[in-house]
Amino acid sequence: MSKRIDYYNDPSAPAANSLVPSVNVVVTNEVGELLLIRRSDNDNWALPGGAIDLGESIPQAAIRETLEEAGIPCEITGLIGTHSDPGHVIHYTSNDEVRQEFSLVLTARAVSGQPTPSTESREVRWVPRHEVSNYSMHRSMRLRINHYLQGGSPHIG
């Protein structure tokens, strides 16, 4: 099975060889819980998201990725910020791609559906805000969620 390995300011990290625009989505339900997936490729909890395909807008990619990974149709409601830290690289072992982080983080409202795992997600669940800190996730994902929880102006980084 291919793996995803995240490196953050790690001198032993491989050099990036690609930059792929991607999205992450903070999806909330009617009681304010956040939708989290447990990734199949690294077993970490994360927001739904992935690469933006050619011919696709940012909101279209966010809606598609959320449906594919979590089984939840959603409506985009806002922007949390941007994340492009060259100190964060992601190594995909299946093809030896090493991506520099480049993610647009959006907010969305669930419109229907039940959390459903996929090939990319081992588990999917609604998580109350006060419990998110109990879930094991990479530092970069924790930053995205914290930017959402803190509110304020969009993060640019």
C-alpha atoms as a PDB file:
ATOM      1  CA  MET A   1       0.000   0.000   0.000  1.00  0.00           C
ATOM      2  CA  SER A   2       1.245   3.469  -0.803  1.00  0.00           C
ATOM      3  CA  LYS A   3       1.918   5.779   2.085  1.00  0.00           C
ATOM      4  CA  ARG A   4       1.885   9.497   2.719  1.00  0.00           C
ATOM      5  CA  ILE A   5       4.701  10.806   4.901  1.00  0.00           C
ATOM      6  CA  ASP A   6       4.534  14.411   6.109  1.00  0.00           C
ATOM      7  CA  TYR A   7       7.729  16.259   6.997  1.00  0.00           C
ATOM      8  CA  TYR A   8       7.690  19.593   8.783  1.00  0.00           C
ATOM      9  CA  ASN A   9      10.928  21.595   9.021  1.00  0.00           C
ATOM     10  CA  ASP A  10      12.798  18.282   8.990  1.00  0.00           C
ATOM     11  CA  PRO A  11      16.378  18.439   7.641  1.00  0.00           C
ATOM     12  CA  SER A  12      16.109  14.770   6.642  1.00  0.00           C
ATOM     13  CA  ALA A  13      13.059  15.411   4.444  1.00  0.00           C
ATOM     14  CA  PRO A  14      13.427  14.674   0.742  1.00  0.00           C
ATOM     15  CA  ALA A  15      13.517  17.697  -1.574  1.00  0.00           C
ATOM     16  CA  ALA A  16      10.178  18.737  -3.056  1.00  0.00           C
ATOM     17  CA  ASN A  17       9.725  17.844  -6.716  1.00  0.00           C
ATOM     18  CA  SER A  18       6.168  19.139  -7.258  1.00  0.00           C
ATOM     19  CA  LEU A  19       3.705  21.824  -6.248  1.00  0.00           C
ATOM     20  CA  VAL A  20       0.049  20.802  -6.532  1.00  0.00           C
ATOM     21  CA  PRO A  21      -2.796  23.202  -5.678  1.00  0.00           C
ATOM     22  CA  SER A  22      -5.126  21.483  -3.236  1.00  0.00           C
ATOM     23  CA  VAL A  23      -8.037  22.146  -0.906  1.00  0.00           C
ATOM     24  CA  ASN A  24      -8.995  21.188   2.630  1.00  0.00           C
ATOM     25  CA  VAL A  25     -12.536  21.660   3.861  1.00  0.00           C
ATOM     26  CA  VAL A  26     -13.864  22.359   7.347  1.00  0.00           C
ATOM     27  CA  VAL A  27     -17.369  20.946   6.990  1.00  0.00           C
ATOM     28  CA  THR A  28     -19.810  21.514   9.841  1.00  0.00           C
ATOM     29  CA  ASN A  29     -23.218  20.011  10.530  1.00  0.00           C
ATOM     30  CA  GLU A  30     -26.331  21.602  12.045  1.00  0.00           C
ATOM     31  CA  VAL A  31     -24.931  21.301  15.611  1.00  0.00           C
ATOM     32  CA  GLY A  32     -21.487  22.712  14.749  1.00  0.00           C
ATOM     33  CA  GLU A  33     -19.523  19.452  14.750  1.00  0.00           C
ATOM     34  CA  LEU A  34     -16.555  19.137  12.375  1.00  0.00           C
ATOM     35  CA  LEU A  35     -16.237  16.389   9.789  1.00  0.00           C
ATOM     36  CA  LEU A  36     -12.979  14.451  10.174  1.00  0.00           C
ATOM     37  CA  ILE A  37     -11.595  11.549   8.184  1.00  0.00           C
ATOM     38  CA  ARG A  38      -8.986   9.030   9.269  1.00  0.00           C
ATOM     39  CA  ARG A  39      -6.662   8.814   6.287  1.00  0.00           C
ATOM     40  CA  SER A  40      -5.933   5.386   4.839  1.00  0.00           C
ATOM     41  CA  ASP A  41      -2.409   6.335   3.750  1.00  0.00           C
ATOM     42  CA  ASN A  42      -1.016   7.492   7.118  1.00  0.00           C
ATOM     43  CA  ASP A  43      -3.714   6.702   9.722  1.00  0.00           C
ATOM     44  CA  ASN A  44      -3.904  10.365  10.832  1.00  0.00           C
ATOM     45  CA  TRP A  45      -7.147  12.260  11.310  1.00  0.00           C
ATOM     46  CA  ALA A  46      -7.627  15.119   8.862  1.00  0.00           C
ATOM     47  CA  LEU A  47     -10.060  17.401   7.120  1.00  0.00           C
ATOM     48  CA  PRO A  48     -11.357  16.107   3.796  1.00  0.00           C
ATOM     49  CA  GLY A  49      -9.434  17.440   0.830  1.00  0.00           C
ATOM     50  CA  GLY A  50      -7.121  16.835  -2.062  1.00  0.00           C
ATOM     51  CA  ALA A  51      -5.738  18.087  -5.354  1.00  0.00           C
ATOM     52  CA  ILE A  52      -7.625  20.473  -7.607  1.00  0.00           C
ATOM     53  CA  ASP A  53      -8.107  18.811 -10.994  1.00  0.00           C
ATOM     54  CA  LEU A  54      -7.599  20.586 -14.321  1.00  0.00           C
ATOM     55  CA  GLY A  55     -10.837  22.217 -15.445  1.00  0.00           C
ATOM     56  CA  GLU A  56     -12.146  22.387 -11.890  1.00  0.00           C
ATOM     57  CA  SER A  57     -12.733  25.450  -9.706  1.00  0.00           C
ATOM     58  CA  ILE A  58     -11.619  25.647  -6.078  1.00  0.00           C
ATOM     59  CA  PRO A  59     -15.189  25.185  -4.739  1.00  0.00           C
ATOM     60  CA  GLN A  60     -15.856  22.304  -7.163  1.00  0.00           C
ATOM     61  CA  ALA A  61     -12.718  20.515  -5.951  1.00  0.00           C
ATOM     62  CA  ALA A  62     -13.689  21.030  -2.298  1.00  0.00           C
ATOM     63  CA  ILE A  63     -17.205  19.662  -2.844  1.00  0.00           C
ATOM     64  CA  ARG A  64     -15.913  16.690  -4.888  1.00  0.00           C
ATOM     65  CA  GLU A  65     -13.184  15.765  -2.396  1.00  0.00           C
ATOM     66  CA  THR A  66     -15.572  15.947   0.574  1.00  0.00           C
ATOM     67  CA  LEU A  67     -18.079  13.701  -1.183  1.00  0.00           C
ATOM     68  CA  GLU A  68     -15.390  11.242  -2.347  1.00  0.00           C
ATOM     69  CA  GLU A  69     -13.580  10.946   0.982  1.00  0.00           C
ATOM     70  CA  ALA A  70     -16.432  11.338   3.447  1.00  0.00           C
ATOM     71  CA  GLY A  71     -19.728  10.714   1.633  1.00  0.00           C
ATOM     72  CA  ILE A  72     -21.065  14.152   2.573  1.00  0.00           C
ATOM     73  CA  PRO A  73     -22.475  16.583  -0.009  1.00  0.00           C
ATOM     74  CA  CYS A  74     -21.671  20.129   1.095  1.00  0.00           C
ATOM     75  CA  GLU A  75     -22.046  23.777   0.197  1.00  0.00           C
ATOM     76  CA  ILE A  76     -18.987  26.061   0.368  1.00  0.00           C
ATOM     77  CA  THR A  77     -19.481  28.992   2.746  1.00  0.00           C
ATOM     78  CA  GLY A  78     -16.111  30.715   3.124  1.00  0.00           C
ATOM     79  CA  LEU A  79     -12.337  30.828   3.195  1.00  0.00           C
ATOM     80  CA  ILE A  80     -10.193  30.069   6.248  1.00  0.00           C
ATOM     81  CA  GLY A  81      -6.899  30.750   4.549  1.00  0.00           C
ATOM     82  CA  THR A  82      -3.937  29.568   2.543  1.00  0.00           C
ATOM     83  CA  HIS A  83      -1.060  27.286   3.509  1.00  0.00           C
ATOM     84  CA  SER A  84       2.082  27.221   1.365  1.00  0.00           C
ATOM     85  CA  ASP A  85       4.907  26.603   3.820  1.00  0.00           C
ATOM     86  CA  PRO A  86       7.930  25.236   1.887  1.00  0.00           C
ATOM     87  CA  GLY A  87       9.074  23.652   5.175  1.00  0.00           C
ATOM     88  CA  HIS A  88       6.147  21.213   4.935  1.00  0.00           C
ATOM     89  CA  VAL A  89       6.637  18.542   2.285  1.00  0.00           C
ATOM     90  CA  ILE A  90       4.551  15.442   1.664  1.00  0.00           C
ATOM     91  CA  HIS A  91       6.166  12.279   0.303  1.00  0.00           C
ATOM     92  CA  TYR A  92       3.877   9.897  -1.590  1.00  0.00           C
ATOM     93  CA  THR A  93       5.672   6.563  -1.691  1.00  0.00           C
ATOM     94  CA  SER A  94       3.611   5.128  -4.572  1.00  0.00           C
ATOM     95  CA  ASN A  95       5.374   7.324  -7.147  1.00  0.00           C
ATOM     96  CA  ASP A  96       8.084   9.061  -5.079  1.00  0.00           C
ATOM     97  CA  GLU A  97       6.372  12.416  -5.518  1.00  0.00           C
ATOM     98  CA  VAL A  98       7.386  14.949  -2.871  1.00  0.00           C
ATOM     99  CA  ARG A  99       4.987  17.893  -2.778  1.00  0.00           C
ATOM    100  CA  GLN A 100       5.545  21.275  -1.258  1.00  0.00           C
ATOM    101  CA  GLU A 101       2.458  22.205   0.752  1.00  0.00           C
ATOM    102  CA  PHE A 102      -0.037  24.338  -1.188  1.00  0.00           C
ATOM    103  CA  SER A 103      -3.535  24.261   0.254  1.00  0.00           C
ATOM    104  CA  LEU A 104      -6.556  26.523   0.247  1.00  0.00           C
ATOM    105  CA  VAL A 105      -8.714  25.893   3.320  1.00  0.00           C
ATOM    106  CA  LEU A 106     -12.446  26.487   2.941  1.00  0.00           C
ATOM    107  CA  THR A 107     -15.510  26.256   5.165  1.00  0.00           C
ATOM    108  CA  ALA A 108     -18.612  24.351   4.172  1.00  0.00           C
ATOM    109  CA  ARG A 109     -22.010  23.321   5.444  1.00  0.00           C
ATOM    110  CA  ALA A 110     -23.173  19.716   5.113  1.00  0.00           C
ATOM    111  CA  VAL A 111     -26.402  19.528   3.110  1.00  0.00           C
ATOM    112  CA  SER A 112     -27.197  15.808   3.534  1.00  0.00           C
ATOM    113  CA  GLY A 113     -25.640  12.359   3.779  1.00  0.00           C
ATOM    114  CA  GLN A 114     -24.069  10.110   6.367  1.00  0.00           C
ATOM    115  CA  PRO A 115     -20.308   9.948   7.018  1.00  0.00           C
ATOM    116  CA  THR A 116     -19.052   7.084   4.846  1.00  0.00           C
ATOM    117  CA  PRO A 117     -15.448   5.830   4.536  1.00  0.00           C
ATOM    118  CA  SER A 118     -13.794   5.424   1.132  1.00  0.00           C
ATOM    119  CA  THR A 119     -10.535   4.006  -0.194  1.00  0.00           C
ATOM    120  CA  GLU A 120      -8.890   7.225   1.040  1.00  0.00           C
ATOM    121  CA  SER A 121     -10.524   7.258   4.479  1.00  0.00           C
ATOM    122  CA  ARG A 122     -10.504   4.433   7.007  1.00  0.00           C
ATOM    123  CA  GLU A 123     -13.062   6.198   9.246  1.00  0.00           C
ATOM    124  CA  VAL A 124     -15.266   9.279   8.949  1.00  0.00           C
ATOM    125  CA  ARG A 125     -17.087  10.977  11.808  1.00  0.00           C
ATOM    126  CA  TRP A 126     -18.605  14.167  13.130  1.00  0.00           C
ATOM    127  CA  VAL A 127     -16.507  15.496  16.003  1.00  0.00           C
ATOM    128  CA  PRO A 128     -17.612  18.085  18.575  1.00  0.00           C
ATOM    129  CA  ARG A 129     -15.281  21.115  18.558  1.00  0.00           C
ATOM    130  CA  HIS A 130     -14.120  20.524  22.129  1.00  0.00           C
ATOM    131  CA  GLU A 131     -12.995  16.966  21.231  1.00  0.00           C
ATOM    132  CA  VAL A 132     -10.936  17.749  18.100  1.00  0.00           C
ATOM    133  CA  SER A 133      -7.741  18.112  20.155  1.00  0.00           C
ATOM    134  CA  ASN A 134      -8.090  14.449  21.214  1.00  0.00           C
ATOM    135  CA  TYR A 135      -7.565  13.225  17.634  1.00  0.00           C
ATOM    136  CA  SER A 136      -4.114  12.321  16.328  1.00  0.00           C
ATOM    137  CA  MET A 137      -3.226  14.452  13.311  1.00  0.00           C
ATOM    138  CA  HIS A 138      -0.250  16.051  11.619  1.00  0.00           C
ATOM    139  CA  ARG A 139       0.791  19.481  12.884  1.00  0.00           C
ATOM    140  CA  SER A 140      -0.173  21.157   9.585  1.00  0.00           C
ATOM    141  CA  MET A 141      -3.740  19.831   9.838  1.00  0.00           C
ATOM    142  CA  ARG A 142      -4.002  20.943  13.451  1.00  0.00           C
ATOM    143  CA  LEU A 143      -2.976  24.469  12.326  1.00  0.00           C
ATOM    144  CA  ARG A 144      -5.738  24.549   9.704  1.00  0.00           C
ATOM    145  CA  ILE A 145      -8.372  23.519  12.236  1.00  0.00           C
ATOM    146  CA  ASN A 146      -7.069  25.975  14.838  1.00  0.00           C
ATOM    147  CA  HIS A 147      -7.278  28.825  12.312  1.00  0.00           C
ATOM    148  CA  TYR A 148     -10.925  27.916  11.811  1.00  0.00           C
ATOM    149  CA  LEU A 149     -11.682  27.649  15.536  1.00  0.00           C
ATOM    150  CA  GLN A 150      -9.972  30.980  16.296  1.00  0.00           C
ATOM    151  CA  GLY A 151     -11.922  32.839  13.599  1.00  0.00           C
ATOM    152  CA  GLY A 152     -10.765  36.223  12.383  1.00  0.00           C
ATOM    153  CA  SER A 153      -9.204  37.198   9.084  1.00  0.00           C
ATOM    154  CA  PRO A 154      -8.163  34.537   6.602  1.00  0.00           C
ATOM    155  CA  HIS A 155      -4.740  33.037   7.318  1.00  0.00           C
ATOM    156  CA  ILE A 156      -2.145  33.689   4.637  1.00  0.00           C
ATOM    157  CA  GLY A 157       0.893  31.505   4.985  1.00  0.00           C
END
